[in-house]
Every structure is written in C-alpha cells, then in structure tokens.
Amino acid sequence: QVHLVESGGGLVQPGGSLRLSCAASGSIFTINSMGWYRQAPGRERELISAVTKDGKIDYQDSVRGRFTISRDNTKNMVYLQMNNLKPEDTAVYTCFSCDLEGRCVYWGQGTQVTVSS
C-alpha cells in the first residue's frame, strides 16, 4: 500500500505562485508514475500533470508553460510548481500514484488552491 500526503496549498493572488508537495510512503517500490489531478466545484476531475519513474512528463494544455512537475526519487517526493496562477486554477489538487501495470489506485487527501484577489 502507498500513502500520499500533499502540502503547499493556500490562497494566492492572480499571477502569483505556489508549490505543492506530495510525500509518498509505504510500498514505494511499486510506484511508477506520480502526478496531480485537480477538481473545481461543479467540474469534473482533470489530470494536470504526471511524471514517470524515469522522468517522462505530461501536462494538460491549460497549464503547460505555467506549471512544472518534478520528482525526487531519493526522497519519494513529487512537486508541482505553479506560476502565473489564474482564478480558473482554483481547485482541490490531489496527488496520485500508479504502479508498473498502470493501476492508479493511491490518492492523497487533497490540498485546496484558491486564486483570488
């Protein structure tokens, strides 16, 4: 079993930055990819970004160029640097992990990001 804990959310003004962190523990040897989803009120959950164990990265088009995902395998951490935040980025951001078979069954508790003036 994998346990994921996020941190770093909060309130920020439009144009500001936040850095989310996700710490993995437990059966970390089973983890291949890690990443972030977000869900805003009244909207479906959407995949923001993911990074595989060997460093392959994907981004959703709406955050490409503004968000940067990174991973430190030595610390079992994944990060999401969010720059030039917009009000439409307001959502609960949740960390997830997938195993080598592509099963994505472990999730964090989520952290709220609010972009507002």
N, C-alpha and C. Protein backbone atom coordinates (compact mmCIF):
# COMPACT_ATOMS: atom_id res chain seq x y z
N GLN A 1 0.84 -1.19 0.00
CA GLN A 1 0.00 0.00 0.00
C GLN A 1 0.88 1.25 0.00
N VAL A 2 0.40 2.28 -0.68
CA VAL A 2 1.13 3.55 -0.77
C VAL A 2 0.31 4.63 -0.08
N HIS A 3 0.99 5.43 0.71
CA HIS A 3 0.35 6.54 1.40
C HIS A 3 0.90 7.85 0.85
N LEU A 4 0.00 8.74 0.44
CA LEU A 4 0.40 10.00 -0.17
C LEU A 4 -0.13 11.17 0.66
N VAL A 5 0.74 12.13 0.93
CA VAL A 5 0.35 13.30 1.72
C VAL A 5 0.79 14.56 1.00
N GLU A 6 -0.18 15.42 0.69
CA GLU A 6 0.12 16.68 0.00
C GLU A 6 0.29 17.81 0.99
N SER A 7 1.00 18.84 0.54
CA SER A 7 1.13 20.07 1.29
C SER A 7 1.39 21.20 0.32
N GLY A 8 1.20 22.44 0.78
CA GLY A 8 1.58 23.59 -0.01
C GLY A 8 0.45 24.38 -0.62
N GLY A 9 -0.78 23.96 -0.44
CA GLY A 9 -1.89 24.74 -0.98
C GLY A 9 -2.10 26.03 -0.21
N GLY A 10 -3.04 26.84 -0.69
CA GLY A 10 -3.33 28.07 0.00
C GLY A 10 -4.01 29.07 -0.90
N LEU A 11 -4.04 30.31 -0.41
CA LEU A 11 -4.66 31.41 -1.13
C LEU A 11 -3.57 32.27 -1.76
N VAL A 12 -3.72 32.57 -3.03
CA VAL A 12 -2.74 33.38 -3.74
C VAL A 12 -3.46 34.31 -4.71
N GLN A 13 -2.88 35.45 -4.96
CA GLN A 13 -3.46 36.39 -5.90
C GLN A 13 -3.19 35.96 -7.33
N PRO A 14 -4.04 36.38 -8.26
CA PRO A 14 -3.76 36.08 -9.68
C PRO A 14 -2.37 36.55 -10.07
N GLY A 15 -1.68 35.71 -10.81
CA GLY A 15 -0.31 35.99 -11.20
C GLY A 15 0.73 35.47 -10.22
N GLY A 16 0.27 35.01 -9.08
CA GLY A 16 1.18 34.51 -8.06
C GLY A 16 1.61 33.08 -8.30
N SER A 17 2.37 32.57 -7.34
CA SER A 17 2.92 31.21 -7.46
C SER A 17 2.68 30.42 -6.17
N LEU A 18 2.59 29.12 -6.35
CA LEU A 18 2.54 28.18 -5.23
C LEU A 18 3.31 26.94 -5.64
N ARG A 19 3.82 26.25 -4.64
CA ARG A 19 4.48 24.98 -4.88
C ARG A 19 3.82 23.91 -4.02
N LEU A 20 3.28 22.91 -4.69
CA LEU A 20 2.68 21.78 -3.99
C LEU A 20 3.71 20.66 -3.86
N SER A 21 3.62 19.97 -2.73
CA SER A 21 4.50 18.83 -2.49
C SER A 21 3.65 17.61 -2.17
N CYS A 22 4.15 16.45 -2.54
CA CYS A 22 3.47 15.19 -2.23
C CYS A 22 4.53 14.20 -1.77
N ALA A 23 4.35 13.71 -0.56
CA ALA A 23 5.28 12.74 0.01
C ALA A 23 4.67 11.35 -0.04
N ALA A 24 5.42 10.41 -0.56
CA ALA A 24 4.96 9.03 -0.67
C ALA A 24 5.66 8.17 0.38
N SER A 25 4.91 7.24 0.93
CA SER A 25 5.47 6.29 1.88
C SER A 25 4.77 4.95 1.70
N GLY A 26 5.30 3.93 2.36
CA GLY A 26 4.72 2.60 2.23
C GLY A 26 5.44 1.80 1.15
N SER A 27 4.68 1.15 0.28
CA SER A 27 5.25 0.29 -0.77
C SER A 27 5.71 1.12 -1.96
N ILE A 28 6.66 2.00 -1.71
CA ILE A 28 7.09 2.94 -2.75
C ILE A 28 7.78 2.25 -3.91
N PHE A 29 8.28 1.04 -3.68
CA PHE A 29 8.97 0.32 -4.76
C PHE A 29 8.01 -0.06 -5.88
N THR A 30 6.70 -0.02 -5.60
CA THR A 30 5.69 -0.36 -6.61
C THR A 30 5.31 0.82 -7.49
N ILE A 31 5.75 2.01 -7.12
CA ILE A 31 5.33 3.23 -7.83
C ILE A 31 6.07 3.38 -9.13
N ASN A 32 5.32 3.63 -10.21
CA ASN A 32 5.93 4.06 -11.47
C ASN A 32 5.69 5.55 -11.63
N SER A 33 4.51 5.93 -12.02
CA SER A 33 4.24 7.35 -12.23
C SER A 33 3.56 7.97 -11.03
N MET A 34 3.78 9.27 -10.89
CA MET A 34 3.11 10.09 -9.88
C MET A 34 2.66 11.37 -10.54
N GLY A 35 1.65 11.99 -9.98
CA GLY A 35 1.20 13.23 -10.59
C GLY A 35 0.10 13.89 -9.80
N TRP A 36 -0.58 14.79 -10.49
CA TRP A 36 -1.60 15.62 -9.85
C TRP A 36 -2.87 15.69 -10.69
N TYR A 37 -3.98 15.54 -10.00
CA TYR A 37 -5.29 15.87 -10.55
C TYR A 37 -5.79 17.12 -9.82
N ARG A 38 -6.79 17.75 -10.39
CA ARG A 38 -7.49 18.80 -9.67
C ARG A 38 -8.98 18.72 -9.97
N GLN A 39 -9.75 19.22 -9.02
CA GLN A 39 -11.19 19.26 -9.22
C GLN A 39 -11.73 20.55 -8.62
N ALA A 40 -12.39 21.32 -9.49
CA ALA A 40 -13.03 22.56 -9.06
C ALA A 40 -14.50 22.28 -8.79
N PRO A 41 -15.13 23.11 -7.96
CA PRO A 41 -16.56 22.91 -7.67
C PRO A 41 -17.39 22.89 -8.94
N GLY A 42 -18.23 21.87 -9.06
CA GLY A 42 -19.11 21.78 -10.20
C GLY A 42 -18.46 21.30 -11.48
N ARG A 43 -17.19 20.91 -11.38
CA ARG A 43 -16.47 20.45 -12.57
C ARG A 43 -15.92 19.05 -12.35
N GLU A 44 -15.65 18.38 -13.46
CA GLU A 44 -15.08 17.05 -13.36
C GLU A 44 -13.60 17.14 -12.98
N ARG A 45 -13.13 16.06 -12.37
CA ARG A 45 -11.72 15.97 -12.05
C ARG A 45 -10.90 15.94 -13.34
N GLU A 46 -9.79 16.63 -13.34
CA GLU A 46 -8.95 16.66 -14.55
C GLU A 46 -7.49 16.41 -14.19
N LEU A 47 -6.84 15.67 -15.07
CA LEU A 47 -5.44 15.37 -14.90
C LEU A 47 -4.62 16.60 -15.28
N ILE A 48 -3.74 17.02 -14.38
CA ILE A 48 -2.92 18.20 -14.61
C ILE A 48 -1.55 17.82 -15.16
N SER A 49 -0.90 16.91 -14.47
CA SER A 49 0.45 16.56 -14.89
C SER A 49 0.85 15.25 -14.23
N ALA A 50 1.76 14.54 -14.88
CA ALA A 50 2.28 13.30 -14.32
C ALA A 50 3.72 13.12 -14.77
N VAL A 51 4.48 12.39 -13.96
CA VAL A 51 5.88 12.10 -14.28
C VAL A 51 6.15 10.64 -13.93
N THR A 52 6.78 9.94 -14.86
CA THR A 52 7.11 8.53 -14.62
C THR A 52 8.41 8.43 -13.83
N LYS A 53 8.70 7.22 -13.42
CA LYS A 53 9.89 6.98 -12.61
C LYS A 53 11.16 7.35 -13.37
N ASP A 54 11.12 7.17 -14.71
CA ASP A 54 12.30 7.51 -15.50
C ASP A 54 12.25 8.90 -16.09
N GLY A 55 11.27 9.72 -15.62
CA GLY A 55 11.30 11.13 -15.95
C GLY A 55 10.45 11.60 -17.12
N LYS A 56 9.63 10.73 -17.69
CA LYS A 56 8.74 11.18 -18.75
C LYS A 56 7.61 12.01 -18.15
N ILE A 57 7.37 13.18 -18.74
CA ILE A 57 6.43 14.15 -18.17
C ILE A 57 5.33 14.49 -19.17
N ASP A 58 4.13 14.64 -18.66
CA ASP A 58 3.00 15.12 -19.46
C ASP A 58 2.31 16.24 -18.70
N TYR A 59 1.75 17.19 -19.46
CA TYR A 59 0.98 18.29 -18.89
C TYR A 59 -0.33 18.44 -19.63
N GLN A 60 -1.33 18.89 -18.88
CA GLN A 60 -2.56 19.33 -19.53
C GLN A 60 -2.27 20.64 -20.25
N ASP A 61 -2.91 20.83 -21.38
CA ASP A 61 -2.61 22.02 -22.19
C ASP A 61 -2.83 23.32 -21.43
N SER A 62 -3.82 23.37 -20.56
CA SER A 62 -4.15 24.63 -19.90
C SER A 62 -3.09 25.07 -18.89
N VAL A 63 -2.21 24.16 -18.48
CA VAL A 63 -1.18 24.52 -17.50
C VAL A 63 0.23 24.48 -18.10
N ARG A 64 0.33 23.98 -19.30
CA ARG A 64 1.65 23.87 -19.93
C ARG A 64 2.29 25.24 -20.04
N GLY A 65 3.53 25.35 -19.62
CA GLY A 65 4.24 26.62 -19.64
C GLY A 65 4.09 27.42 -18.35
N ARG A 66 3.13 27.05 -17.52
CA ARG A 66 2.94 27.74 -16.25
C ARG A 66 3.25 26.84 -15.06
N PHE A 67 2.96 25.56 -15.20
CA PHE A 67 3.19 24.59 -14.13
C PHE A 67 4.38 23.71 -14.49
N THR A 68 5.14 23.33 -13.48
CA THR A 68 6.27 22.42 -13.67
C THR A 68 6.22 21.32 -12.63
N ILE A 69 6.20 20.09 -13.12
CA ILE A 69 6.22 18.94 -12.20
C ILE A 69 7.66 18.44 -12.08
N SER A 70 8.01 18.02 -10.89
CA SER A 70 9.33 17.43 -10.68
C SER A 70 9.21 16.32 -9.65
N ARG A 71 10.23 15.49 -9.65
CA ARG A 71 10.18 14.31 -8.78
C ARG A 71 11.56 14.04 -8.22
N ASP A 72 11.60 13.73 -6.95
CA ASP A 72 12.85 13.36 -6.29
C ASP A 72 12.68 11.93 -5.79
N ASN A 73 13.21 10.98 -6.54
CA ASN A 73 13.03 9.58 -6.18
C ASN A 73 13.80 9.21 -4.90
N THR A 74 14.82 9.98 -4.57
CA THR A 74 15.59 9.68 -3.36
C THR A 74 14.80 10.04 -2.10
N LYS A 75 13.88 11.00 -2.26
CA LYS A 75 13.07 11.44 -1.12
C LYS A 75 11.62 10.97 -1.25
N ASN A 76 11.31 10.28 -2.34
CA ASN A 76 9.95 9.81 -2.58
C ASN A 76 8.96 10.97 -2.59
N MET A 77 9.34 12.03 -3.29
CA MET A 77 8.54 13.24 -3.35
C MET A 77 8.24 13.60 -4.80
N VAL A 78 7.08 14.22 -5.00
CA VAL A 78 6.76 14.84 -6.27
C VAL A 78 6.25 16.25 -5.97
N TYR A 79 6.62 17.18 -6.84
CA TYR A 79 6.31 18.59 -6.63
C TYR A 79 5.56 19.14 -7.84
N LEU A 80 4.78 20.18 -7.57
CA LEU A 80 4.13 20.90 -8.67
C LEU A 80 4.34 22.38 -8.42
N GLN A 81 5.23 22.98 -9.20
CA GLN A 81 5.46 24.41 -9.14
C GLN A 81 4.45 25.09 -10.05
N MET A 82 3.64 25.96 -9.49
CA MET A 82 2.57 26.62 -10.24
C MET A 82 2.86 28.12 -10.29
N ASN A 83 3.09 28.62 -11.48
CA ASN A 83 3.37 30.04 -11.67
C ASN A 83 2.26 30.69 -12.48
N ASN A 84 2.21 32.01 -12.40
CA ASN A 84 1.20 32.77 -13.15
C ASN A 84 -0.19 32.17 -12.95
N LEU A 85 -0.53 31.98 -11.69
CA LEU A 85 -1.82 31.35 -11.38
C LEU A 85 -2.99 32.23 -11.77
N LYS A 86 -4.05 31.58 -12.20
CA LYS A 86 -5.26 32.25 -12.66
C LYS A 86 -6.44 31.82 -11.78
N PRO A 87 -7.47 32.64 -11.71
CA PRO A 87 -8.64 32.24 -10.91
C PRO A 87 -9.20 30.87 -11.32
N GLU A 88 -9.09 30.54 -12.58
CA GLU A 88 -9.61 29.24 -13.03
C GLU A 88 -8.75 28.07 -12.60
N ASP A 89 -7.62 28.34 -11.96
CA ASP A 89 -6.80 27.27 -11.39
C ASP A 89 -7.30 26.88 -10.00
N THR A 90 -8.25 27.63 -9.48
CA THR A 90 -8.80 27.32 -8.16
C THR A 90 -9.44 25.94 -8.16
N ALA A 91 -8.97 25.09 -7.25
CA ALA A 91 -9.46 23.71 -7.19
C ALA A 91 -8.81 23.00 -6.02
N VAL A 92 -9.28 21.81 -5.75
CA VAL A 92 -8.58 20.90 -4.83
C VAL A 92 -7.61 20.09 -5.68
N TYR A 93 -6.36 20.14 -5.31
CA TYR A 93 -5.32 19.42 -6.04
C TYR A 93 -4.95 18.16 -5.26
N THR A 94 -4.97 17.05 -5.97
CA THR A 94 -4.74 15.76 -5.33
C THR A 94 -3.61 15.02 -6.02
N CYS A 95 -2.72 14.50 -5.21
CA CYS A 95 -1.60 13.70 -5.69
C CYS A 95 -2.05 12.25 -5.89
N PHE A 96 -1.49 11.60 -6.90
CA PHE A 96 -1.81 10.20 -7.13
C PHE A 96 -0.56 9.43 -7.54
N SER A 97 -0.62 8.12 -7.43
CA SER A 97 0.48 7.29 -7.93
C SER A 97 -0.09 6.10 -8.69
N CYS A 98 0.70 5.65 -9.65
CA CYS A 98 0.33 4.49 -10.46
C CYS A 98 1.46 3.47 -10.39
N ASP A 99 1.08 2.18 -10.46
CA ASP A 99 2.12 1.15 -10.40
C ASP A 99 2.60 0.80 -11.81
N LEU A 100 3.46 -0.17 -11.90
CA LEU A 100 4.07 -0.54 -13.18
C LEU A 100 3.05 -1.12 -14.16
N GLU A 101 1.92 -1.60 -13.65
CA GLU A 101 0.85 -2.11 -14.52
C GLU A 101 -0.12 -1.02 -14.92
N GLY A 102 0.16 0.22 -14.50
CA GLY A 102 -0.70 1.34 -14.87
C GLY A 102 -1.93 1.51 -14.01
N ARG A 103 -1.95 0.82 -12.90
CA ARG A 103 -3.09 0.94 -11.98
C ARG A 103 -2.83 2.13 -11.05
N CYS A 104 -3.76 3.07 -11.09
CA CYS A 104 -3.63 4.30 -10.32
C CYS A 104 -4.67 4.26 -9.20
N VAL A 105 -4.29 3.67 -8.10
CA VAL A 105 -5.28 3.45 -7.04
C VAL A 105 -4.97 4.17 -5.75
N TYR A 106 -3.84 4.86 -5.70
CA TYR A 106 -3.49 5.56 -4.46
C TYR A 106 -3.58 7.06 -4.67
N TRP A 107 -4.23 7.70 -3.69
CA TRP A 107 -4.51 9.12 -3.77
C TRP A 107 -4.24 9.78 -2.42
N GLY A 108 -3.83 11.04 -2.48
CA GLY A 108 -3.71 11.81 -1.26
C GLY A 108 -5.06 12.36 -0.84
N GLN A 109 -5.04 13.17 0.20
CA GLN A 109 -6.29 13.73 0.73
C GLN A 109 -6.69 15.01 0.01
N GLY A 110 -5.78 15.58 -0.76
CA GLY A 110 -6.06 16.80 -1.50
C GLY A 110 -5.67 18.04 -0.73
N THR A 111 -5.32 19.07 -1.47
CA THR A 111 -4.99 20.36 -0.88
C THR A 111 -5.65 21.46 -1.69
N GLN A 112 -6.23 22.41 -1.00
CA GLN A 112 -7.00 23.47 -1.67
C GLN A 112 -6.07 24.56 -2.19
N VAL A 113 -6.27 24.92 -3.43
CA VAL A 113 -5.60 26.07 -4.03
C VAL A 113 -6.67 27.07 -4.45
N THR A 114 -6.57 28.27 -3.93
CA THR A 114 -7.52 29.32 -4.26
C THR A 114 -6.78 30.52 -4.83
N VAL A 115 -7.17 30.91 -6.03
CA VAL A 115 -6.55 32.05 -6.71
C VAL A 115 -7.59 33.15 -6.78
N SER A 116 -7.36 34.20 -6.00
CA SER A 116 -8.35 35.27 -5.91
C SER A 116 -7.69 36.54 -5.43
N SER A 117 -8.21 37.65 -5.90
CA SER A 117 -7.73 38.94 -5.43
C SER A 117 -8.57 39.45 -4.27
